[in-house]
Amino acid sequence: MSSLENLLKQNNLSSQDLQELLKARDEGKISFKLIDIREPFEYEEAHIVGTDELLPTSRFQEWANKLLERKDENMIIYCRTGNRTGQVQAILRQNGLSLPHLTYGIMSYGGEIEG
């Protein structure tokens, strides 16, 4: 297993880890979906370049089961500060899905942001 694949197995990712993973994905070395779980207005204000999906936490019950069905996909979640992703991680983990999240959220992210 490569160091990049190992990063996708961790619970917590640093800003540097996510930047490294996004660069590797752009180069075709690894595949994953980057999911923002903040609200639409937050996404419009600013989001990480390379975000693939917006799944607002306020609608968690609508999309949680669909995410659980995607267990074979590599996914990373992020929010504003890491609080919401920590809560979502705990619930998903109880249902058999472990996803890494950006520790401290977009507020700690040093990479490219748009919005």
N, C-alpha and C. Protein backbone atom coordinates (compact mmCIF):
# COMPACT_ATOMS: atom_id res chain seq x y z
N MET A 1 0.85 -1.18 0.00
CA MET A 1 0.00 0.00 0.00
C MET A 1 0.89 1.24 0.00
N SER A 2 0.60 2.18 -0.88
CA SER A 2 1.42 3.40 -0.98
C SER A 2 1.12 4.34 0.18
N SER A 3 1.99 5.31 0.37
CA SER A 3 1.78 6.30 1.43
C SER A 3 0.51 7.11 1.17
N LEU A 4 0.18 7.32 -0.11
CA LEU A 4 -1.05 8.04 -0.44
C LEU A 4 -2.26 7.23 -0.01
N GLU A 5 -2.25 5.92 -0.28
CA GLU A 5 -3.36 5.06 0.13
C GLU A 5 -3.47 5.01 1.64
N ASN A 6 -2.33 5.04 2.32
CA ASN A 6 -2.34 5.06 3.78
C ASN A 6 -3.02 6.31 4.32
N LEU A 7 -2.78 7.44 3.66
CA LEU A 7 -3.42 8.67 4.09
C LEU A 7 -4.94 8.54 4.04
N LEU A 8 -5.45 7.86 3.02
CA LEU A 8 -6.90 7.70 2.88
C LEU A 8 -7.49 6.78 3.93
N LYS A 9 -6.66 6.07 4.67
CA LYS A 9 -7.13 5.17 5.73
C LYS A 9 -7.11 5.84 7.10
N GLN A 10 -6.54 7.04 7.18
CA GLN A 10 -6.48 7.75 8.46
C GLN A 10 -7.81 8.41 8.77
N ASN A 11 -8.05 8.68 10.04
CA ASN A 11 -9.26 9.42 10.44
C ASN A 11 -9.09 10.92 10.22
N ASN A 12 -7.91 11.42 10.48
CA ASN A 12 -7.65 12.86 10.45
C ASN A 12 -6.57 13.20 9.43
N LEU A 13 -6.86 14.18 8.59
CA LEU A 13 -5.89 14.63 7.60
C LEU A 13 -5.53 16.08 7.88
N SER A 14 -4.26 16.39 7.76
CA SER A 14 -3.82 17.77 7.89
C SER A 14 -4.03 18.49 6.56
N SER A 15 -3.89 19.79 6.60
CA SER A 15 -3.96 20.59 5.38
C SER A 15 -2.93 20.10 4.37
N GLN A 16 -1.73 19.84 4.84
CA GLN A 16 -0.65 19.36 3.97
C GLN A 16 -1.00 18.00 3.36
N ASP A 17 -1.59 17.11 4.17
CA ASP A 17 -2.00 15.79 3.66
C ASP A 17 -3.00 15.95 2.52
N LEU A 18 -4.01 16.80 2.71
CA LEU A 18 -5.03 16.97 1.69
C LEU A 18 -4.45 17.60 0.43
N GLN A 19 -3.58 18.56 0.60
CA GLN A 19 -2.94 19.17 -0.57
C GLN A 19 -2.15 18.12 -1.36
N GLU A 20 -1.44 17.25 -0.65
CA GLU A 20 -0.67 16.19 -1.30
C GLU A 20 -1.60 15.22 -2.04
N LEU A 21 -2.72 14.86 -1.41
CA LEU A 21 -3.67 13.95 -2.04
C LEU A 21 -4.32 14.58 -3.27
N LEU A 22 -4.69 15.86 -3.19
CA LEU A 22 -5.30 16.53 -4.34
C LEU A 22 -4.32 16.61 -5.51
N LYS A 23 -3.07 16.90 -5.21
CA LYS A 23 -2.04 16.96 -6.26
C LYS A 23 -1.88 15.58 -6.91
N ALA A 24 -1.83 14.54 -6.09
CA ALA A 24 -1.68 13.18 -6.61
C ALA A 24 -2.90 12.77 -7.44
N ARG A 25 -4.09 13.22 -7.02
CA ARG A 25 -5.29 12.91 -7.79
C ARG A 25 -5.24 13.61 -9.14
N ASP A 26 -4.80 14.86 -9.16
CA ASP A 26 -4.66 15.60 -10.42
C ASP A 26 -3.67 14.91 -11.36
N GLU A 27 -2.68 14.25 -10.78
CA GLU A 27 -1.66 13.55 -11.57
C GLU A 27 -2.08 12.12 -11.92
N GLY A 28 -3.28 11.70 -11.49
CA GLY A 28 -3.78 10.37 -11.79
C GLY A 28 -3.19 9.25 -10.95
N LYS A 29 -2.57 9.59 -9.83
CA LYS A 29 -1.92 8.60 -8.98
C LYS A 29 -2.87 7.95 -7.98
N ILE A 30 -4.00 8.60 -7.70
CA ILE A 30 -4.94 8.11 -6.70
C ILE A 30 -6.32 8.66 -7.04
N SER A 31 -7.34 7.99 -6.55
CA SER A 31 -8.71 8.42 -6.83
C SER A 31 -9.49 8.54 -5.52
N PHE A 32 -10.21 9.64 -5.37
CA PHE A 32 -11.10 9.83 -4.22
C PHE A 32 -12.05 10.97 -4.53
N LYS A 33 -13.12 11.04 -3.76
CA LYS A 33 -14.08 12.14 -3.84
C LYS A 33 -13.88 13.03 -2.63
N LEU A 34 -13.81 14.33 -2.85
CA LEU A 34 -13.73 15.31 -1.78
C LEU A 34 -15.12 15.90 -1.57
N ILE A 35 -15.64 15.73 -0.36
CA ILE A 35 -17.03 16.09 -0.07
C ILE A 35 -17.08 17.18 1.01
N ASP A 36 -17.72 18.28 0.68
CA ASP A 36 -17.96 19.39 1.60
C ASP A 36 -19.30 19.13 2.27
N ILE A 37 -19.33 19.09 3.61
CA ILE A 37 -20.60 18.83 4.29
C ILE A 37 -21.17 20.09 4.95
N ARG A 38 -20.67 21.24 4.52
CA ARG A 38 -21.22 22.50 5.03
C ARG A 38 -22.51 22.84 4.27
N GLU A 39 -23.09 23.96 4.60
CA GLU A 39 -24.33 24.39 3.97
C GLU A 39 -24.04 25.10 2.64
N PRO A 40 -25.03 25.14 1.73
CA PRO A 40 -24.81 25.76 0.42
C PRO A 40 -24.26 27.19 0.49
N PHE A 41 -24.75 28.02 1.42
CA PHE A 41 -24.25 29.40 1.50
C PHE A 41 -22.78 29.42 1.89
N GLU A 42 -22.34 28.46 2.71
CA GLU A 42 -20.93 28.41 3.09
C GLU A 42 -20.07 27.99 1.89
N TYR A 43 -20.58 27.02 1.14
CA TYR A 43 -19.88 26.55 -0.05
C TYR A 43 -19.71 27.69 -1.06
N GLU A 44 -20.77 28.48 -1.25
CA GLU A 44 -20.72 29.59 -2.20
C GLU A 44 -19.70 30.65 -1.77
N GLU A 45 -19.58 30.85 -0.46
CA GLU A 45 -18.61 31.83 0.05
C GLU A 45 -17.18 31.40 -0.22
N ALA A 46 -16.89 30.12 0.02
CA ALA A 46 -15.54 29.58 -0.19
C ALA A 46 -15.57 28.08 -0.08
N HIS A 47 -14.83 27.42 -0.97
CA HIS A 47 -14.68 25.97 -0.90
C HIS A 47 -13.31 25.59 -1.46
N ILE A 48 -12.87 24.40 -1.09
CA ILE A 48 -11.58 23.91 -1.53
C ILE A 48 -11.65 23.55 -3.01
N VAL A 49 -10.68 24.04 -3.78
CA VAL A 49 -10.59 23.69 -5.19
C VAL A 49 -10.40 22.18 -5.28
N GLY A 50 -11.25 21.55 -6.08
CA GLY A 50 -11.21 20.10 -6.20
C GLY A 50 -12.34 19.40 -5.47
N THR A 51 -13.21 20.19 -4.83
CA THR A 51 -14.37 19.60 -4.15
C THR A 51 -15.28 18.98 -5.21
N ASP A 52 -15.71 17.75 -4.94
CA ASP A 52 -16.54 17.01 -5.90
C ASP A 52 -18.02 17.07 -5.58
N GLU A 53 -18.36 17.14 -4.30
CA GLU A 53 -19.76 17.09 -3.91
C GLU A 53 -20.02 18.01 -2.72
N LEU A 54 -21.26 18.48 -2.65
CA LEU A 54 -21.74 19.23 -1.49
C LEU A 54 -22.88 18.42 -0.90
N LEU A 55 -22.69 17.95 0.33
CA LEU A 55 -23.72 17.19 1.05
C LEU A 55 -23.94 17.86 2.40
N PRO A 56 -24.85 18.85 2.45
CA PRO A 56 -25.04 19.62 3.68
C PRO A 56 -25.43 18.77 4.89
N THR A 57 -24.82 19.05 6.00
CA THR A 57 -25.10 18.33 7.23
C THR A 57 -26.57 18.46 7.63
N SER A 58 -27.19 19.57 7.30
CA SER A 58 -28.60 19.77 7.65
C SER A 58 -29.50 18.76 6.94
N ARG A 59 -28.98 18.13 5.90
CA ARG A 59 -29.75 17.13 5.15
C ARG A 59 -29.11 15.74 5.29
N PHE A 60 -28.37 15.55 6.37
CA PHE A 60 -27.63 14.31 6.61
C PHE A 60 -28.49 13.06 6.46
N GLN A 61 -29.68 13.08 7.02
CA GLN A 61 -30.53 11.89 6.95
C GLN A 61 -30.93 11.54 5.52
N GLU A 62 -30.93 12.53 4.64
CA GLU A 62 -31.27 12.29 3.23
C GLU A 62 -30.14 11.59 2.48
N TRP A 63 -28.89 11.89 2.83
CA TRP A 63 -27.78 11.34 2.05
C TRP A 63 -26.93 10.31 2.77
N ALA A 64 -27.13 10.10 4.04
CA ALA A 64 -26.27 9.18 4.80
C ALA A 64 -26.31 7.76 4.24
N ASN A 65 -27.49 7.24 3.98
CA ASN A 65 -27.59 5.86 3.47
C ASN A 65 -26.95 5.73 2.10
N LYS A 66 -27.08 6.74 1.27
CA LYS A 66 -26.45 6.70 -0.05
C LYS A 66 -24.93 6.65 0.08
N LEU A 67 -24.40 7.38 1.06
CA LEU A 67 -22.96 7.36 1.29
C LEU A 67 -22.52 5.99 1.80
N LEU A 68 -23.32 5.39 2.67
CA LEU A 68 -23.01 4.06 3.20
C LEU A 68 -22.96 3.02 2.07
N GLU A 69 -23.76 3.22 1.04
CA GLU A 69 -23.76 2.30 -0.11
C GLU A 69 -22.50 2.45 -0.96
N ARG A 70 -21.75 3.52 -0.74
CA ARG A 70 -20.54 3.79 -1.53
C ARG A 70 -19.27 3.40 -0.76
N LYS A 71 -19.36 2.39 0.08
CA LYS A 71 -18.24 1.99 0.95
C LYS A 71 -16.96 1.68 0.19
N ASP A 72 -17.09 1.27 -1.07
CA ASP A 72 -15.89 0.90 -1.84
C ASP A 72 -15.17 2.11 -2.43
N GLU A 73 -15.78 3.28 -2.36
CA GLU A 73 -15.16 4.51 -2.88
C GLU A 73 -14.26 5.14 -1.82
N ASN A 74 -13.19 5.75 -2.27
CA ASN A 74 -12.37 6.57 -1.38
C ASN A 74 -13.02 7.94 -1.31
N MET A 75 -13.29 8.40 -0.10
CA MET A 75 -13.93 9.70 0.10
C MET A 75 -13.26 10.41 1.27
N ILE A 76 -13.21 11.74 1.18
CA ILE A 76 -12.72 12.60 2.26
C ILE A 76 -13.79 13.66 2.48
N ILE A 77 -14.09 13.93 3.75
CA ILE A 77 -15.08 14.96 4.06
C ILE A 77 -14.42 16.15 4.77
N TYR A 78 -15.03 17.32 4.57
CA TYR A 78 -14.57 18.49 5.31
C TYR A 78 -15.73 19.42 5.59
N CYS A 79 -15.53 20.26 6.62
CA CYS A 79 -16.51 21.29 6.99
C CYS A 79 -15.73 22.57 7.29
N ARG A 80 -16.27 23.41 8.13
CA ARG A 80 -15.60 24.68 8.43
C ARG A 80 -14.44 24.51 9.40
N THR A 81 -14.69 23.82 10.54
CA THR A 81 -13.67 23.70 11.58
C THR A 81 -13.33 22.27 11.98
N GLY A 82 -14.04 21.30 11.42
CA GLY A 82 -13.81 19.91 11.79
C GLY A 82 -14.83 19.36 12.76
N ASN A 83 -15.67 20.22 13.32
CA ASN A 83 -16.67 19.78 14.29
C ASN A 83 -17.75 18.92 13.65
N ARG A 84 -18.35 19.42 12.59
CA ARG A 84 -19.42 18.66 11.93
C ARG A 84 -18.90 17.35 11.34
N THR A 85 -17.70 17.40 10.73
CA THR A 85 -17.17 16.17 10.15
C THR A 85 -16.87 15.14 11.24
N GLY A 86 -16.44 15.60 12.39
CA GLY A 86 -16.20 14.67 13.50
C GLY A 86 -17.48 13.96 13.91
N GLN A 87 -18.59 14.70 13.95
CA GLN A 87 -19.88 14.10 14.29
C GLN A 87 -20.35 13.13 13.21
N VAL A 88 -20.21 13.54 11.95
CA VAL A 88 -20.61 12.68 10.83
C VAL A 88 -19.75 11.42 10.81
N GLN A 89 -18.45 11.57 11.03
CA GLN A 89 -17.55 10.41 11.08
C GLN A 89 -18.02 9.40 12.11
N ALA A 90 -18.37 9.87 13.30
CA ALA A 90 -18.78 8.97 14.39
C ALA A 90 -20.03 8.18 14.01
N ILE A 91 -21.00 8.84 13.43
CA ILE A 91 -22.24 8.16 13.03
C ILE A 91 -21.98 7.16 11.92
N LEU A 92 -21.23 7.56 10.90
CA LEU A 92 -20.93 6.65 9.80
C LEU A 92 -20.11 5.46 10.27
N ARG A 93 -19.15 5.72 11.16
CA ARG A 93 -18.31 4.64 11.68
C ARG A 93 -19.16 3.59 12.41
N GLN A 94 -20.18 4.04 13.14
CA GLN A 94 -21.08 3.11 13.83
C GLN A 94 -21.82 2.22 12.83
N ASN A 95 -21.92 2.69 11.59
CA ASN A 95 -22.61 1.95 10.54
C ASN A 95 -21.64 1.31 9.55
N GLY A 96 -20.38 1.21 9.93
CA GLY A 96 -19.41 0.46 9.14
C GLY A 96 -18.64 1.23 8.08
N LEU A 97 -18.72 2.56 8.09
CA LEU A 97 -17.99 3.36 7.09
C LEU A 97 -17.04 4.32 7.79
N SER A 98 -15.76 4.15 7.52
CA SER A 98 -14.75 5.07 8.07
C SER A 98 -14.27 5.99 6.96
N LEU A 99 -14.41 7.28 7.19
CA LEU A 99 -13.96 8.29 6.23
C LEU A 99 -12.98 9.23 6.90
N PRO A 100 -11.90 9.59 6.20
CA PRO A 100 -11.02 10.61 6.76
C PRO A 100 -11.66 12.00 6.61
N HIS A 101 -11.26 12.90 7.50
CA HIS A 101 -11.73 14.28 7.39
C HIS A 101 -10.55 15.24 7.56
N LEU A 102 -10.75 16.43 7.05
CA LEU A 102 -9.75 17.49 7.17
C LEU A 102 -9.82 18.04 8.58
N THR A 103 -8.81 17.73 9.38
CA THR A 103 -8.76 18.20 10.76
C THR A 103 -8.80 19.74 10.76
N TYR A 104 -9.65 20.30 11.55
CA TYR A 104 -9.85 21.75 11.68
C TYR A 104 -10.47 22.38 10.45
N GLY A 105 -10.92 21.58 9.50
CA GLY A 105 -11.72 22.05 8.39
C GLY A 105 -11.05 23.04 7.45
N ILE A 106 -11.91 23.69 6.67
CA ILE A 106 -11.44 24.63 5.65
C ILE A 106 -10.72 25.81 6.29
N MET A 107 -11.03 26.11 7.56
CA MET A 107 -10.37 27.23 8.24
C MET A 107 -8.87 26.99 8.37
N SER A 108 -8.45 25.72 8.38
CA SER A 108 -7.03 25.41 8.53
C SER A 108 -6.35 25.10 7.21
N TYR A 109 -7.14 25.11 6.12
CA TYR A 109 -6.60 24.64 4.84
C TYR A 109 -5.72 25.71 4.21
N GLY A 110 -4.50 25.31 3.86
CA GLY A 110 -3.54 26.24 3.28
C GLY A 110 -3.46 26.17 1.76
N GLY A 111 -4.27 25.31 1.16
CA GLY A 111 -4.24 25.16 -0.30
C GLY A 111 -5.18 26.12 -0.97
N GLU A 112 -5.47 25.84 -2.24
CA GLU A 112 -6.28 26.74 -3.06
C GLU A 112 -7.75 26.67 -2.70
N ILE A 113 -8.34 27.84 -2.52
CA ILE A 113 -9.77 27.98 -2.18
C ILE A 113 -10.39 28.90 -3.21
N GLU A 114 -11.63 28.59 -3.58
CA GLU A 114 -12.36 29.46 -4.50
C GLU A 114 -13.74 29.73 -3.95
N GLY A 115 -14.38 30.73 -4.54
CA GLY A 115 -15.73 31.04 -4.11
C GLY A 115 -15.98 32.52 -4.04
